[in-house]
Amino acid sequence: MLTTPALVGTNVLKPMLNQLLAVHGHNYLNQSVLPEIWSFTFRCMQVQEKQLDGKVGIVRCSEELPIRLGCNRSVCLVGKIKDLNLTHRQRLIFQNSPDSLISTSIEVTPTVLDVYPGEEEKEVIVRLSNLSLSPVRIYPHSILCELQVVDLVRKTSVNSAFAIM
């Protein structure tokens, strides 16, 4: 008897995991009889989801030396996308990250970019603005921002009473 390997992606695995959670709760590994490979797969998916904590990925500083960002100043830094795992093109936006050790007075300019599979460690330009009254240091490899999935809407039907003038 011949066997044919099958590649099962997260588009199939996520509904299966959701069904297990619905039937057996968060203790599904102990309460359901799963082959070891399936248990391992579902555990890996949950660990990855927990590590990402709702974000798609992060951008780390690629500069070789610490950067001093003066008060009320902006700077564009080269960063490298990390912790990103794509199966298809994603439209992403830069957003401040609570995991960043950079001061909370630093704002990330929202920037939309398309990232394709194979570009998971792509270099990007991140614009940071120091809104405080004191200078801030940004060190190599520090987290500059996180990436979130975004959709661009070309047309919208907004009632004119709610339109922004």
Protein backbone atom coordinates (compact mmCIF):
# COMPACT_ATOMS: atom_id res chain seq x y z
CA MET A 1 0.00 0.00 0.00
CA LEU A 2 1.41 3.36 -1.03
CA THR A 3 1.03 6.45 1.10
CA THR A 4 0.89 10.01 -0.11
CA PRO A 5 2.22 12.77 2.13
CA ALA A 6 -0.13 15.67 2.76
CA LEU A 7 0.79 19.18 3.74
CA VAL A 8 -1.77 20.58 6.16
CA GLY A 9 -1.58 24.33 6.81
CA THR A 10 -2.86 26.54 9.58
CA ASN A 11 -6.00 27.23 7.53
CA VAL A 12 -6.96 23.62 8.36
CA LEU A 13 -5.24 23.29 11.74
CA LYS A 14 -6.74 26.39 13.39
CA PRO A 15 -10.38 25.23 12.98
CA MET A 16 -9.35 21.80 14.28
CA LEU A 17 -7.68 23.38 17.32
CA ASN A 18 -10.71 25.61 17.92
CA GLN A 19 -12.97 22.54 17.80
CA LEU A 20 -10.76 20.73 20.32
CA LEU A 21 -10.84 23.75 22.62
CA ALA A 22 -14.63 24.02 22.29
CA VAL A 23 -15.19 20.33 23.11
CA HIS A 24 -12.46 19.66 25.70
CA GLY A 25 -11.49 23.14 26.97
CA HIS A 26 -7.94 24.33 27.57
CA ASN A 27 -7.02 20.95 29.02
CA TYR A 28 -7.63 19.28 25.64
CA LEU A 29 -4.22 17.56 25.58
CA ASN A 30 -5.12 15.51 28.66
CA GLN A 31 -8.79 14.96 27.83
CA SER A 32 -8.58 13.94 24.17
CA VAL A 33 -6.84 11.01 22.55
CA LEU A 34 -4.57 12.53 19.93
CA PRO A 35 -1.61 11.03 18.12
CA GLU A 36 1.64 12.49 19.43
CA ILE A 37 2.35 14.41 16.22
CA TRP A 38 -1.01 16.21 16.43
CA SER A 39 -0.49 17.09 20.10
CA PHE A 40 2.95 18.46 19.27
CA THR A 41 1.56 20.48 16.35
CA PHE A 42 -1.22 22.05 18.42
CA ARG A 43 1.18 22.84 21.29
CA CYS A 44 3.55 24.58 18.85
CA MET A 45 0.69 26.63 17.42
CA GLN A 46 -0.37 27.76 20.89
CA VAL A 47 3.19 28.61 21.95
CA GLN A 48 3.70 30.69 18.82
CA GLU A 49 0.38 32.48 19.34
CA LYS A 50 1.26 33.19 22.97
CA GLN A 51 4.72 34.52 22.03
CA LEU A 52 3.28 36.82 19.37
CA ASP A 53 0.55 38.01 21.77
CA GLY A 54 -1.70 39.32 19.03
CA LYS A 55 1.00 40.93 16.92
CA VAL A 56 2.14 39.55 13.59
CA GLY A 57 5.83 40.33 14.11
CA ILE A 58 8.31 42.89 15.37
CA VAL A 59 10.96 45.18 13.88
CA ARG A 60 14.39 45.29 15.56
CA CYS A 61 16.93 48.08 15.12
CA SER A 62 19.63 47.19 12.56
CA GLU A 63 21.88 50.17 13.30
CA GLU A 64 25.38 49.21 14.42
CA LEU A 65 25.80 51.99 17.01
CA PRO A 66 23.41 53.50 19.56
CA ILE A 67 21.39 56.41 18.17
CA ARG A 68 20.74 59.56 20.21
CA LEU A 69 17.35 61.02 19.41
CA GLY A 70 17.05 64.60 20.66
CA CYS A 71 13.91 66.09 22.14
CA ASN A 72 11.21 67.03 19.63
CA ARG A 73 13.21 65.36 16.85
CA SER A 74 12.52 62.57 14.37
CA VAL A 75 14.84 60.01 12.86
CA CYS A 76 14.52 57.27 10.24
CA LEU A 77 16.22 54.03 11.29
CA VAL A 78 16.88 50.80 9.44
CA GLY A 79 15.16 47.87 11.11
CA LYS A 80 14.81 44.19 10.36
CA ILE A 81 11.50 42.33 10.52
CA LYS A 82 11.61 39.43 13.01
CA ASP A 83 9.26 36.72 14.30
CA LEU A 84 7.16 36.84 11.15
CA ASN A 85 5.81 33.66 9.60
CA LEU A 86 3.87 34.20 6.38
CA THR A 87 2.02 31.81 4.11
CA HIS A 88 0.77 34.52 1.75
CA ARG A 89 1.16 38.26 1.13
CA GLN A 90 0.23 40.36 4.12
CA ARG A 91 -0.42 44.09 4.30
CA LEU A 92 1.07 45.25 7.60
CA ILE A 93 1.36 48.50 9.54
CA PHE A 94 4.01 49.70 12.01
CA GLN A 95 2.67 50.33 15.50
CA ASN A 96 4.17 51.19 18.90
CA SER A 97 5.04 48.05 20.84
CA PRO A 98 4.56 47.55 24.59
CA ASP A 99 7.53 45.12 24.39
CA SER A 100 9.86 47.91 23.30
CA LEU A 101 12.38 49.21 25.83
CA ILE A 102 12.37 52.55 24.02
CA SER A 103 10.73 55.35 25.98
CA THR A 104 6.94 55.61 25.81
CA SER A 105 7.42 59.18 24.57
CA ILE A 106 8.72 57.79 21.26
CA GLU A 107 6.06 57.59 18.56
CA VAL A 108 6.28 55.32 15.53
CA THR A 109 4.99 56.83 12.30
CA PRO A 110 2.33 54.40 11.04
CA THR A 111 3.60 52.97 7.76
CA VAL A 112 1.81 50.42 5.59
CA LEU A 113 3.87 47.83 3.72
CA ASP A 114 3.26 44.62 1.82
CA VAL A 115 5.36 41.65 2.89
CA TYR A 116 5.53 38.44 0.88
CA PRO A 117 6.59 34.92 1.93
CA GLY A 118 10.38 34.78 1.83
CA GLU A 119 10.68 38.40 3.00
CA GLU A 120 10.26 37.53 6.68
CA GLU A 121 13.59 39.19 7.57
CA LYS A 122 13.23 42.14 5.22
CA GLU A 123 14.95 45.42 6.09
CA VAL A 124 12.57 48.36 6.49
CA ILE A 125 12.81 52.05 7.35
CA VAL A 126 11.05 53.07 10.58
CA ARG A 127 10.45 56.74 11.41
CA LEU A 128 10.56 57.50 15.13
CA SER A 129 9.67 60.81 16.78
CA ASN A 130 10.75 61.84 20.28
CA LEU A 131 7.85 63.81 21.76
CA SER A 132 9.53 64.31 25.14
CA LEU A 133 11.69 67.10 26.52
CA SER A 134 14.70 64.84 27.01
CA PRO A 135 16.92 62.92 24.57
CA VAL A 136 16.51 59.16 24.19
CA ARG A 137 19.03 56.47 23.20
CA ILE A 138 18.04 53.72 20.81
CA TYR A 139 20.33 50.71 20.97
CA PRO A 140 21.16 48.15 18.27
CA HIS A 141 18.80 45.13 18.20
CA SER A 142 16.20 46.88 20.37
CA ILE A 143 12.55 46.51 19.37
CA LEU A 144 11.48 49.57 17.36
CA CYS A 145 7.86 48.61 16.74
CA GLU A 146 5.47 45.76 16.13
CA LEU A 147 3.61 44.76 12.99
CA GLN A 148 -0.16 44.42 12.77
CA VAL A 149 -2.32 43.25 9.87
CA VAL A 150 -4.20 46.09 8.18
CA ASP A 151 -6.71 46.37 5.34
CA LEU A 152 -6.85 49.42 3.11
CA VAL A 153 -10.36 50.56 2.27
CA ARG A 154 -10.63 52.39 -1.04
CA LYS A 155 -14.28 53.43 -0.73
CA THR A 156 -16.54 53.77 2.21
CA SER A 157 -20.14 54.80 2.60
CA VAL A 158 -20.12 57.31 5.43
CA ASN A 159 -23.17 59.37 6.20
CA SER A 160 -22.31 63.03 5.56
CA ALA A 161 -23.48 63.90 9.08
CA PHE A 162 -20.55 61.84 10.43
CA ALA A 163 -17.96 62.98 7.90
CA ILE A 164 -14.91 64.77 9.23
CA MET A 165 -14.64 68.29 7.88
